[in-house]
């Protein structure tokens, strides 16, 4: 009993640290994009993430996993790497470049609802009434945020930015759906994804930007994003899920992240949080919560 309680306590601590990290990334994105283009941020964050994940594999004594890839695993890993981090973060960072952080972050949080929608044609899942209600509630929250509290006008604050933020959820959901078919170690698989994405990112940088960072502040932001958001948080969350006796207990902690994120956005980025953002986020979180209560999602992935 004592051992089980100790494991559960460790799971809560690791999950809490992970949620805290996820709560800071919207601010980190926005602050970093003041000093770098989206492609520059992605390039250097990817490089730092590769270093971080390699060190984690060394610490966990899992380097041997890198030599055990079959040709099918390599092709699958490269394809996933094109989706994430390359395509996903190109679109997400572009959204953050166009939108206030308080809008981009909640819109990106709808990825779980997008996952439910995509699971119908791709995984033959069925949408029940609870799922349909969750989708409706969440996307009503999207409209509230995107129209800044005037949903009847349907005039978005930045149509391109909103489209990119919602588009990022589509890419993220696709990544996790196809990631379920991977049989490799999760950390080794993520390392393969990130190192596979590097050539794509470099080509995009040379074509549309420049790989050289303009300031140390942007590079510091990329270091934070790469090490913590793309690397350490993923491993901590996996560890928490392995230690916990109930994945549901840990998963509920995710709901604190977007609200805590607004606090950081206000404090670090300097954005005045609008009431429409809070109301819209409440709808999005309520929709996600309703969906989880129904137990309909068969893909347990991170936020």
C-alpha atoms as a PDB file:
ATOM      1  CA  UNK A   1       0.000   0.000   0.000  1.00  0.00           C
ATOM      2  CA  UNK A   2       2.834   2.356   0.925  1.00  0.00           C
ATOM      3  CA  UNK A   3       4.674   1.637  -2.310  1.00  0.00           C
ATOM      4  CA  UNK A   4       1.539   2.297  -4.376  1.00  0.00           C
ATOM      5  CA  UNK A   5       0.920   5.571  -2.528  1.00  0.00           C
ATOM      6  CA  UNK A   6       4.529   6.622  -3.143  1.00  0.00           C
ATOM      7  CA  UNK A   7       4.188   5.911  -6.856  1.00  0.00           C
ATOM      8  CA  UNK A   8       0.971   7.905  -7.028  1.00  0.00           C
ATOM      9  CA  UNK A   9       2.556  10.850  -5.228  1.00  0.00           C
ATOM     10  CA  UNK A  10       5.475  10.785  -7.662  1.00  0.00           C
ATOM     11  CA  UNK A  11       3.011  10.674 -10.550  1.00  0.00           C
ATOM     12  CA  UNK A  12       1.221  13.780  -9.245  1.00  0.00           C
ATOM     13  CA  UNK A  13       4.514  15.640  -8.819  1.00  0.00           C
ATOM     14  CA  UNK A  14       5.738  14.780 -12.333  1.00  0.00           C
ATOM     15  CA  UNK A  15       2.356  15.593 -13.868  1.00  0.00           C
ATOM     16  CA  UNK A  16       2.205  18.872 -11.955  1.00  0.00           C
ATOM     17  CA  UNK A  17       5.645  19.902 -13.236  1.00  0.00           C
ATOM     18  CA  UNK A  18       4.577  18.978 -16.770  1.00  0.00           C
ATOM     19  CA  UNK A  19       1.401  21.052 -16.550  1.00  0.00           C
ATOM     20  CA  UNK A  20       3.437  23.968 -15.215  1.00  0.00           C
ATOM     21  CA  UNK A  21       5.811  23.718 -18.201  1.00  0.00           C
ATOM     22  CA  UNK A  22       2.933  23.524 -20.678  1.00  0.00           C
ATOM     23  CA  UNK A  23       1.420  26.593 -19.045  1.00  0.00           C
ATOM     24  CA  UNK A  24       4.506  28.668 -19.859  1.00  0.00           C
ATOM     25  CA  UNK A  25       4.971  27.745 -23.513  1.00  0.00           C
ATOM     26  CA  UNK A  26       2.433  30.187 -24.972  1.00  0.00           C
ATOM     27  CA  UNK A  27       4.347  33.032 -23.311  1.00  0.00           C
ATOM     28  CA  UNK A  28       7.661  31.528 -24.460  1.00  0.00           C
ATOM     29  CA  UNK A  29       6.388  31.309 -28.046  1.00  0.00           C
ATOM     30  CA  UNK A  30       5.198  34.900 -28.095  1.00  0.00           C
ATOM     31  CA  UNK A  31       8.295  36.352 -26.438  1.00  0.00           C
ATOM     32  CA  UNK A  32      10.632  34.373 -28.702  1.00  0.00           C
ATOM     33  CA  UNK A  33       8.775  35.489 -31.834  1.00  0.00           C
ATOM     34  CA  UNK A  34       9.593  39.083 -30.940  1.00  0.00           C
ATOM     35  CA  UNK A  35      13.224  38.263 -31.777  1.00  0.00           C
ATOM     36  CA  UNK A  36      12.982  35.469 -34.381  1.00  0.00           C
ATOM     37  CA  UNK A  37      10.861  34.495 -37.354  1.00  0.00           C
ATOM     38  CA  UNK A  38       8.639  31.413 -36.903  1.00  0.00           C
ATOM     39  CA  UNK A  39      11.033  29.319 -39.037  1.00  0.00           C
ATOM     40  CA  UNK A  40      14.092  30.458 -37.082  1.00  0.00           C
ATOM     41  CA  UNK A  41      12.385  29.615 -33.816  1.00  0.00           C
ATOM     42  CA  UNK A  42      11.420  26.192 -35.114  1.00  0.00           C
ATOM     43  CA  UNK A  43      14.934  25.467 -36.413  1.00  0.00           C
ATOM     44  CA  UNK A  44      16.733  26.242 -33.176  1.00  0.00           C
ATOM     45  CA  UNK A  45      14.042  24.744 -30.941  1.00  0.00           C
ATOM     46  CA  UNK A  46      14.293  21.547 -32.981  1.00  0.00           C
ATOM     47  CA  UNK A  47      18.093  21.477 -32.622  1.00  0.00           C
ATOM     48  CA  UNK A  48      17.898  21.988 -28.865  1.00  0.00           C
ATOM     49  CA  UNK A  49      15.163  19.374 -28.615  1.00  0.00           C
ATOM     50  CA  UNK A  50      17.309  16.819 -30.468  1.00  0.00           C
ATOM     51  CA  UNK A  51      20.150  17.450 -27.997  1.00  0.00           C
ATOM     52  CA  UNK A  52      17.757  17.169 -25.057  1.00  0.00           C
ATOM     53  CA  UNK A  53      16.161  13.923 -26.251  1.00  0.00           C
ATOM     54  CA  UNK A  54      19.574  12.389 -27.027  1.00  0.00           C
ATOM     55  CA  UNK A  55      20.734  13.176 -23.475  1.00  0.00           C
ATOM     56  CA  UNK A  56      17.549  11.638 -22.076  1.00  0.00           C
ATOM     57  CA  UNK A  57      18.139   8.472 -24.105  1.00  0.00           C
ATOM     58  CA  UNK A  58      21.690   8.305 -22.734  1.00  0.00           C
ATOM     59  CA  UNK A  59      20.462   8.760 -19.138  1.00  0.00           C
ATOM     60  CA  UNK A  60      17.736   6.141 -19.621  1.00  0.00           C
ATOM     61  CA  UNK A  61      20.263   3.803 -21.306  1.00  0.00           C
ATOM     62  CA  UNK A  62      18.053   3.529 -24.361  1.00  0.00           C
ATOM     63  CA  UNK A  63      20.519   4.486 -27.084  1.00  0.00           C
ATOM     64  CA  UNK A  64      20.305   0.927 -28.349  1.00  0.00           C
ATOM     65  CA  UNK A  65      16.723   1.688 -29.427  1.00  0.00           C
ATOM     66  CA  UNK A  66      18.125   3.951 -32.153  1.00  0.00           C
ATOM     67  CA  UNK A  67      19.936   1.075 -33.837  1.00  0.00           C
ATOM     68  CA  UNK A  68      16.936  -1.235 -33.863  1.00  0.00           C
ATOM     69  CA  UNK A  69      14.818   0.638 -36.410  1.00  0.00           C
ATOM     70  CA  UNK A  70      13.498  -1.401 -39.316  1.00  0.00           C
ATOM     71  CA  UNK A  71      13.121   0.249 -42.721  1.00  0.00           C
ATOM     72  CA  UNK A  72       9.384   0.500 -42.065  1.00  0.00           C
ATOM     73  CA  UNK A  73      10.052   2.225 -38.712  1.00  0.00           C
ATOM     74  CA  UNK A  74      12.401   4.713 -40.384  1.00  0.00           C
ATOM     75  CA  UNK A  75       9.938   5.604 -43.130  1.00  0.00           C
ATOM     76  CA  UNK A  76       7.141   5.941 -40.598  1.00  0.00           C
ATOM     77  CA  UNK A  77       9.328   8.074 -38.325  1.00  0.00           C
ATOM     78  CA  UNK A  78      10.344  10.397 -41.156  1.00  0.00           C
ATOM     79  CA  UNK A  79       6.717  10.819 -42.221  1.00  0.00           C
ATOM     80  CA  UNK A  80       5.719  11.610 -38.642  1.00  0.00           C
ATOM     81  CA  UNK A  81       8.628  14.040 -38.381  1.00  0.00           C
ATOM     82  CA  UNK A  82       7.280  15.919 -41.377  1.00  0.00           C
ATOM     83  CA  UNK A  83       3.963  16.296 -39.536  1.00  0.00           C
ATOM     84  CA  UNK A  84       5.541  17.066 -36.148  1.00  0.00           C
ATOM     85  CA  UNK A  85       7.635  19.029 -35.503  1.00  0.00           C
ATOM     86  CA  UNK A  86       7.996  20.468 -39.022  1.00  0.00           C
ATOM     87  CA  UNK A  87       4.503  21.152 -40.349  1.00  0.00           C
ATOM     88  CA  UNK A  88       2.793  21.444 -36.967  1.00  0.00           C
ATOM     89  CA  UNK A  89       5.122  24.056 -35.531  1.00  0.00           C
ATOM     90  CA  UNK A  90       5.412  26.001 -38.795  1.00  0.00           C
ATOM     91  CA  UNK A  91       1.646  26.487 -38.688  1.00  0.00           C
ATOM     92  CA  UNK A  92       1.445  26.977 -34.902  1.00  0.00           C
ATOM     93  CA  UNK A  93       4.239  29.556 -34.741  1.00  0.00           C
ATOM     94  CA  UNK A  94       2.722  31.406 -37.679  1.00  0.00           C
ATOM     95  CA  UNK A  95      -0.560  31.546 -35.748  1.00  0.00           C
ATOM     96  CA  UNK A  96       1.212  32.925 -32.678  1.00  0.00           C
ATOM     97  CA  UNK A  97       2.927  35.473 -34.909  1.00  0.00           C
ATOM     98  CA  UNK A  98      -0.470  36.781 -36.083  1.00  0.00           C
ATOM     99  CA  UNK A  99      -2.624  36.396 -32.966  1.00  0.00           C
ATOM    100  CA  UNK A 100      -2.320  37.504 -29.352  1.00  0.00           C
ATOM    101  CA  UNK A 101      -1.078  34.618 -27.201  1.00  0.00           C
ATOM    102  CA  UNK A 102      -4.369  34.642 -25.261  1.00  0.00           C
ATOM    103  CA  UNK A 103      -6.207  33.764 -28.489  1.00  0.00           C
ATOM    104  CA  UNK A 104      -3.753  31.351 -30.105  1.00  0.00           C
ATOM    105  CA  UNK A 105      -3.304  29.224 -26.980  1.00  0.00           C
ATOM    106  CA  UNK A 106      -6.999  28.414 -26.313  1.00  0.00           C
ATOM    107  CA  UNK A 107      -7.677  27.779 -30.025  1.00  0.00           C
ATOM    108  CA  UNK A 108      -4.809  25.305 -30.161  1.00  0.00           C
ATOM    109  CA  UNK A 109      -6.271  23.604 -27.086  1.00  0.00           C
ATOM    110  CA  UNK A 110      -9.162  22.307 -29.236  1.00  0.00           C
ATOM    111  CA  UNK A 111      -6.893  19.622 -30.702  1.00  0.00           C
ATOM    112  CA  UNK A 112      -8.641  16.942 -28.608  1.00  0.00           C
ATOM    113  CA  UNK A 113     -11.950  17.797 -30.271  1.00  0.00           C
ATOM    114  CA  UNK A 114     -10.270  17.680 -33.693  1.00  0.00           C
ATOM    115  CA  UNK A 115      -8.896  14.272 -32.743  1.00  0.00           C
ATOM    116  CA  UNK A 116     -12.423  13.023 -32.093  1.00  0.00           C
ATOM    117  CA  UNK A 117     -13.621  14.279 -35.474  1.00  0.00           C
ATOM    118  CA  UNK A 118     -10.696  12.715 -37.360  1.00  0.00           C
ATOM    119  CA  UNK A 119     -11.059   9.401 -35.558  1.00  0.00           C
ATOM    120  CA  UNK A 120     -14.367   8.862 -37.338  1.00  0.00           C
ATOM    121  CA  UNK A 121     -13.031   8.523 -40.920  1.00  0.00           C
ATOM    122  CA  UNK A 122      -9.524   7.345 -39.971  1.00  0.00           C
ATOM    123  CA  UNK A 123     -10.188   4.936 -37.091  1.00  0.00           C
ATOM    124  CA  UNK A 124     -13.859   4.099 -37.672  1.00  0.00           C
ATOM    125  CA  UNK A 125     -14.873   5.514 -34.297  1.00  0.00           C
ATOM    126  CA  UNK A 126     -18.458   6.586 -33.738  1.00  0.00           C
ATOM    127  CA  UNK A 127     -19.503   9.986 -32.440  1.00  0.00           C
ATOM    128  CA  UNK A 128     -22.039   9.692 -29.635  1.00  0.00           C
ATOM    129  CA  UNK A 129     -24.338  12.418 -28.386  1.00  0.00           C
ATOM    130  CA  UNK A 130     -21.835  13.319 -25.663  1.00  0.00           C
ATOM    131  CA  UNK A 131     -19.111  13.815 -28.269  1.00  0.00           C
ATOM    132  CA  UNK A 132     -21.389  15.932 -30.443  1.00  0.00           C
ATOM    133  CA  UNK A 133     -22.290  18.129 -27.455  1.00  0.00           C
ATOM    134  CA  UNK A 134     -18.611  18.470 -26.520  1.00  0.00           C
ATOM    135  CA  UNK A 135     -17.733  19.512 -30.065  1.00  0.00           C
ATOM    136  CA  UNK A 136     -20.523  22.091 -30.147  1.00  0.00           C
ATOM    137  CA  UNK A 137     -19.585  23.596 -26.772  1.00  0.00           C
ATOM    138  CA  UNK A 138     -15.868  23.754 -27.606  1.00  0.00           C
ATOM    139  CA  UNK A 139     -16.301  25.376 -30.998  1.00  0.00           C
ATOM    140  CA  UNK A 140     -18.735  27.891 -29.551  1.00  0.00           C
ATOM    141  CA  UNK A 141     -15.850  28.836 -27.271  1.00  0.00           C
ATOM    142  CA  UNK A 142     -13.649  29.185 -30.349  1.00  0.00           C
ATOM    143  CA  UNK A 143     -16.146  31.619 -31.874  1.00  0.00           C
ATOM    144  CA  UNK A 144     -16.313  33.666 -28.657  1.00  0.00           C
ATOM    145  CA  UNK A 145     -12.520  34.000 -28.547  1.00  0.00           C
ATOM    146  CA  UNK A 146     -12.058  34.589 -32.277  1.00  0.00           C
ATOM    147  CA  UNK A 147     -14.721  37.318 -32.419  1.00  0.00           C
ATOM    148  CA  UNK A 148     -13.544  38.800 -29.093  1.00  0.00           C
ATOM    149  CA  UNK A 149     -16.887  38.407 -27.403  1.00  0.00           C
ATOM    150  CA  UNK A 150     -19.176  39.189 -30.327  1.00  0.00           C
ATOM    151  CA  UNK A 151     -20.114  35.737 -31.698  1.00  0.00           C
ATOM    152  CA  UNK A 152     -23.160  36.951 -33.660  1.00  0.00           C
ATOM    153  CA  UNK A 153     -20.969  39.191 -35.830  1.00  0.00           C
ATOM    154  CA  UNK A 154     -18.812  36.265 -37.047  1.00  0.00           C
ATOM    155  CA  UNK A 155     -16.087  38.833 -37.693  1.00  0.00           C
ATOM    156  CA  UNK A 156     -12.833  37.214 -36.634  1.00  0.00           C
ATOM    157  CA  UNK A 157     -10.080  39.322 -35.087  1.00  0.00           C
ATOM    158  CA  UNK A 158      -7.598  37.835 -37.574  1.00  0.00           C
ATOM    159  CA  UNK A 159      -9.023  35.291 -39.989  1.00  0.00           C
ATOM    160  CA  UNK A 160      -5.650  33.973 -41.152  1.00  0.00           C
ATOM    161  CA  UNK A 161      -4.395  33.596 -37.592  1.00  0.00           C
ATOM    162  CA  UNK A 162      -7.540  31.774 -36.478  1.00  0.00           C
ATOM    163  CA  UNK A 163      -7.343  29.456 -39.494  1.00  0.00           C
ATOM    164  CA  UNK A 164      -3.694  28.660 -38.731  1.00  0.00           C
ATOM    165  CA  UNK A 165      -4.394  28.017 -35.033  1.00  0.00           C
ATOM    166  CA  UNK A 166      -7.239  25.631 -35.860  1.00  0.00           C
ATOM    167  CA  UNK A 167      -5.189  24.109 -38.692  1.00  0.00           C
ATOM    168  CA  UNK A 168      -2.441  23.269 -36.210  1.00  0.00           C
ATOM    169  CA  UNK A 169      -4.926  21.138 -34.260  1.00  0.00           C
ATOM    170  CA  UNK A 170      -5.640  19.155 -37.428  1.00  0.00           C
ATOM    171  CA  UNK A 171      -1.939  18.420 -37.948  1.00  0.00           C
ATOM    172  CA  UNK A 172      -1.429  17.569 -34.271  1.00  0.00           C
ATOM    173  CA  UNK A 173      -4.383  15.173 -34.257  1.00  0.00           C
ATOM    174  CA  UNK A 174      -3.149  13.473 -37.435  1.00  0.00           C
ATOM    175  CA  UNK A 175       0.293  13.077 -35.891  1.00  0.00           C
ATOM    176  CA  UNK A 176      -1.051  11.306 -32.804  1.00  0.00           C
ATOM    177  CA  UNK A 177      -3.440   9.114 -34.768  1.00  0.00           C
ATOM    178  CA  UNK A 178      -0.607   7.813 -36.965  1.00  0.00           C
ATOM    179  CA  UNK A 179       1.772   7.732 -33.996  1.00  0.00           C
ATOM    180  CA  UNK A 180      -0.366   5.023 -32.389  1.00  0.00           C
ATOM    181  CA  UNK A 181       0.798   2.689 -35.163  1.00  0.00           C
ATOM    182  CA  UNK A 182       4.450   3.081 -34.138  1.00  0.00           C
ATOM    183  CA  UNK A 183       5.985   0.194 -32.181  1.00  0.00           C
ATOM    184  CA  UNK A 184       9.242   1.955 -31.231  1.00  0.00           C
ATOM    185  CA  UNK A 185      10.113   3.352 -27.801  1.00  0.00           C
ATOM    186  CA  UNK A 186       8.239   6.682 -27.347  1.00  0.00           C
ATOM    187  CA  UNK A 187      11.330   8.782 -26.545  1.00  0.00           C
ATOM    188  CA  UNK A 188      13.413   7.151 -29.285  1.00  0.00           C
ATOM    189  CA  UNK A 189      10.506   7.628 -31.679  1.00  0.00           C
ATOM    190  CA  UNK A 190      10.241  11.305 -30.808  1.00  0.00           C
ATOM    191  CA  UNK A 191      14.012  11.681 -31.314  1.00  0.00           C
ATOM    192  CA  UNK A 192      13.633  10.131 -34.775  1.00  0.00           C
ATOM    193  CA  UNK A 193      10.756  12.508 -35.585  1.00  0.00           C
ATOM    194  CA  UNK A 194      12.734  15.591 -34.590  1.00  0.00           C
ATOM    195  CA  UNK A 195      15.956  14.622 -36.318  1.00  0.00           C
ATOM    196  CA  UNK A 196      13.990  13.664 -39.455  1.00  0.00           C
ATOM    197  CA  UNK A 197      12.324  17.080 -39.473  1.00  0.00           C
ATOM    198  CA  UNK A 198      15.635  18.963 -39.381  1.00  0.00           C
ATOM    199  CA  UNK A 199      16.340  18.808 -43.169  1.00  0.00           C
ATOM    200  CA  UNK A 200      12.795  20.040 -43.928  1.00  0.00           C
ATOM    201  CA  UNK A 201      13.181  22.921 -41.481  1.00  0.00           C
ATOM    202  CA  UNK A 202      16.626  23.864 -42.807  1.00  0.00           C
ATOM    203  CA  UNK A 203      15.357  23.954 -46.397  1.00  0.00           C
ATOM    204  CA  UNK A 204      12.400  26.124 -45.380  1.00  0.00           C
ATOM    205  CA  UNK A 205      14.730  28.448 -43.473  1.00  0.00           C
ATOM    206  CA  UNK A 206      17.071  28.931 -46.411  1.00  0.00           C
ATOM    207  CA  UNK A 207      14.146  29.489 -48.797  1.00  0.00           C
ATOM    208  CA  UNK A 208      11.928  31.774 -46.720  1.00  0.00           C
ATOM    209  CA  UNK A 209      14.056  33.109 -43.853  1.00  0.00           C
ATOM    210  CA  UNK A 210      17.600  32.717 -42.568  1.00  0.00           C
ATOM    211  CA  UNK A 211      18.942  30.116 -40.132  1.00  0.00           C
ATOM    212  CA  UNK A 212      21.038  32.646 -38.216  1.00  0.00           C
ATOM    213  CA  UNK A 213      19.278  34.076 -35.150  1.00  0.00           C
ATOM    214  CA  UNK A 214      19.127  37.847 -34.884  1.00  0.00           C
ATOM    215  CA  UNK A 215      19.624  38.029 -31.110  1.00  0.00           C
ATOM    216  CA  UNK A 216      20.566  35.965 -28.083  1.00  0.00           C
ATOM    217  CA  UNK A 217      17.103  36.586 -26.616  1.00  0.00           C
ATOM    218  CA  UNK A 218      15.455  34.667 -29.442  1.00  0.00           C
ATOM    219  CA  UNK A 219      18.016  31.891 -29.105  1.00  0.00           C
ATOM    220  CA  UNK A 220      17.344  31.693 -25.359  1.00  0.00           C
ATOM    221  CA  UNK A 221      13.635  31.375 -26.097  1.00  0.00           C
ATOM    222  CA  UNK A 222      14.316  28.596 -28.602  1.00  0.00           C
ATOM    223  CA  UNK A 223      16.443  26.827 -25.991  1.00  0.00           C
ATOM    224  CA  UNK A 224      13.560  26.943 -23.512  1.00  0.00           C
ATOM    225  CA  UNK A 225      10.999  25.761 -26.075  1.00  0.00           C
ATOM    226  CA  UNK A 226      13.250  22.976 -27.367  1.00  0.00           C
ATOM    227  CA  UNK A 227      14.370  21.624 -24.014  1.00  0.00           C
ATOM    228  CA  UNK A 228      11.201  22.006 -21.999  1.00  0.00           C
ATOM    229  CA  UNK A 229       8.131  22.110 -24.279  1.00  0.00           C
ATOM    230  CA  UNK A 230       9.395  19.695 -26.942  1.00  0.00           C
ATOM    231  CA  UNK A 231      11.602  17.470 -24.802  1.00  0.00           C
ATOM    232  CA  UNK A 232      11.479  17.293 -21.016  1.00  0.00           C
ATOM    233  CA  UNK A 233       7.704  17.806 -20.650  1.00  0.00           C
ATOM    234  CA  UNK A 234       6.999  14.861 -22.942  1.00  0.00           C
ATOM    235  CA  UNK A 235       9.257  12.533 -20.938  1.00  0.00           C
ATOM    236  CA  UNK A 236       7.899  13.726 -17.584  1.00  0.00           C
ATOM    237  CA  UNK A 237       4.339  13.117 -18.752  1.00  0.00           C
ATOM    238  CA  UNK A 238       5.190   9.599 -19.941  1.00  0.00           C
ATOM    239  CA  UNK A 239       6.808   8.887 -16.567  1.00  0.00           C
ATOM    240  CA  UNK A 240       3.761  10.174 -14.686  1.00  0.00           C
ATOM    241  CA  UNK A 241       1.436   7.991 -16.753  1.00  0.00           C
ATOM    242  CA  UNK A 242       3.582   4.934 -16.010  1.00  0.00           C
ATOM    243  CA  UNK A 243       3.614   5.581 -12.255  1.00  0.00           C
ATOM    244  CA  UNK A 244      -0.034   6.458 -11.696  1.00  0.00           C
ATOM    245  CA  UNK A 245      -2.673   3.939 -10.706  1.00  0.00           C
ATOM    246  CA  UNK A 246      -5.291   5.956 -12.594  1.00  0.00           C
ATOM    247  CA  UNK A 247      -4.592   7.805 -15.832  1.00  0.00           C
ATOM    248  CA  UNK A 248      -7.870   9.712 -15.358  1.00  0.00           C
ATOM    249  CA  UNK A 249      -6.600  11.316 -12.145  1.00  0.00           C
ATOM    250  CA  UNK A 250      -3.494  12.598 -13.897  1.00  0.00           C
ATOM    251  CA  UNK A 251      -5.289  13.665 -17.083  1.00  0.00           C
ATOM    252  CA  UNK A 252      -7.610  16.005 -15.180  1.00  0.00           C
ATOM    253  CA  UNK A 253      -4.590  18.121 -14.205  1.00  0.00           C
ATOM    254  CA  UNK A 254      -4.326  19.188 -17.861  1.00  0.00           C
ATOM    255  CA  UNK A 255      -7.402  21.383 -17.398  1.00  0.00           C
ATOM    256  CA  UNK A 256      -5.406  23.710 -15.137  1.00  0.00           C
ATOM    257  CA  UNK A 257      -2.867  24.416 -17.872  1.00  0.00           C
ATOM    258  CA  UNK A 258      -4.760  26.823 -20.172  1.00  0.00           C
ATOM    259  CA  UNK A 259      -6.016  28.966 -17.287  1.00  0.00           C
ATOM    260  CA  UNK A 260      -2.596  29.120 -15.672  1.00  0.00           C
ATOM    261  CA  UNK A 261      -1.225  29.972 -19.106  1.00  0.00           C
ATOM    262  CA  UNK A 262      -3.402  33.108 -19.202  1.00  0.00           C
ATOM    263  CA  UNK A 263      -1.816  34.235 -15.930  1.00  0.00           C
ATOM    264  CA  UNK A 264       1.666  33.860 -17.425  1.00  0.00           C
ATOM    265  CA  UNK A 265       0.595  35.590 -20.644  1.00  0.00           C
ATOM    266  CA  UNK A 266      -0.660  38.543 -18.638  1.00  0.00           C
ATOM    267  CA  UNK A 267       2.411  38.683 -16.403  1.00  0.00           C
ATOM    268  CA  UNK A 268       5.241  37.968 -18.882  1.00  0.00           C
ATOM    269  CA  UNK A 269       3.849  38.973 -22.289  1.00  0.00           C
ATOM    270  CA  UNK A 270       1.919  41.949 -20.957  1.00  0.00           C
ATOM    271  CA  UNK A 271      -1.416  41.177 -22.625  1.00  0.00           C
ATOM    272  CA  UNK A 272      -4.546  42.320 -20.837  1.00  0.00           C
ATOM    273  CA  UNK A 273      -6.706  39.214 -20.676  1.00  0.00           C
ATOM    274  CA  UNK A 274     -10.160  39.863 -22.110  1.00  0.00           C
ATOM    275  CA  UNK A 275     -13.267  38.418 -20.472  1.00  0.00           C
ATOM    276  CA  UNK A 276     -14.219  36.937 -23.861  1.00  0.00           C
ATOM    277  CA  UNK A 277     -11.003  34.895 -23.785  1.00  0.00           C
ATOM    278  CA  UNK A 278     -11.832  33.510 -20.337  1.00  0.00           C
ATOM    279  CA  UNK A 279     -15.442  32.696 -21.302  1.00  0.00           C
ATOM    280  CA  UNK A 280     -14.358  31.060 -24.552  1.00  0.00           C
ATOM    281  CA  UNK A 281     -11.702  29.039 -22.769  1.00  0.00           C
ATOM    282  CA  UNK A 282     -14.267  27.870 -20.194  1.00  0.00           C
ATOM    283  CA  UNK A 283     -16.390  26.545 -23.076  1.00  0.00           C
ATOM    284  CA  UNK A 284     -13.415  24.791 -24.686  1.00  0.00           C
ATOM    285  CA  UNK A 285     -12.329  23.184 -21.414  1.00  0.00           C
ATOM    286  CA  UNK A 286     -15.927  22.214 -20.605  1.00  0.00           C
ATOM    287  CA  UNK A 287     -16.212  20.535 -23.993  1.00  0.00           C
ATOM    288  CA  UNK A 288     -12.983  18.618 -23.440  1.00  0.00           C
ATOM    289  CA  UNK A 289     -14.126  17.640 -19.956  1.00  0.00           C
ATOM    290  CA  UNK A 290     -17.487  16.409 -21.199  1.00  0.00           C
ATOM    291  CA  UNK A 291     -15.739  14.318 -23.811  1.00  0.00           C
ATOM    292  CA  UNK A 292     -13.386  12.727 -21.257  1.00  0.00           C
ATOM    293  CA  UNK A 293     -16.273  11.966 -18.904  1.00  0.00           C
ATOM    294  CA  UNK A 294     -17.816   9.934 -21.683  1.00  0.00           C
ATOM    295  CA  UNK A 295     -14.654   7.891 -22.034  1.00  0.00           C
ATOM    296  CA  UNK A 296     -15.023   8.037 -25.804  1.00  0.00           C
ATOM    297  CA  UNK A 297     -11.491   8.942 -26.695  1.00  0.00           C
ATOM    298  CA  UNK A 298      -9.354   5.875 -27.230  1.00  0.00           C
ATOM    299  CA  UNK A 299      -6.221   7.896 -27.814  1.00  0.00           C
ATOM    300  CA  UNK A 300      -4.641   9.021 -24.568  1.00  0.00           C
ATOM    301  CA  UNK A 301      -2.120  11.623 -25.593  1.00  0.00           C
ATOM    302  CA  UNK A 302      -0.740  14.865 -24.294  1.00  0.00           C
ATOM    303  CA  UNK A 303      -2.231  18.322 -24.502  1.00  0.00           C
END
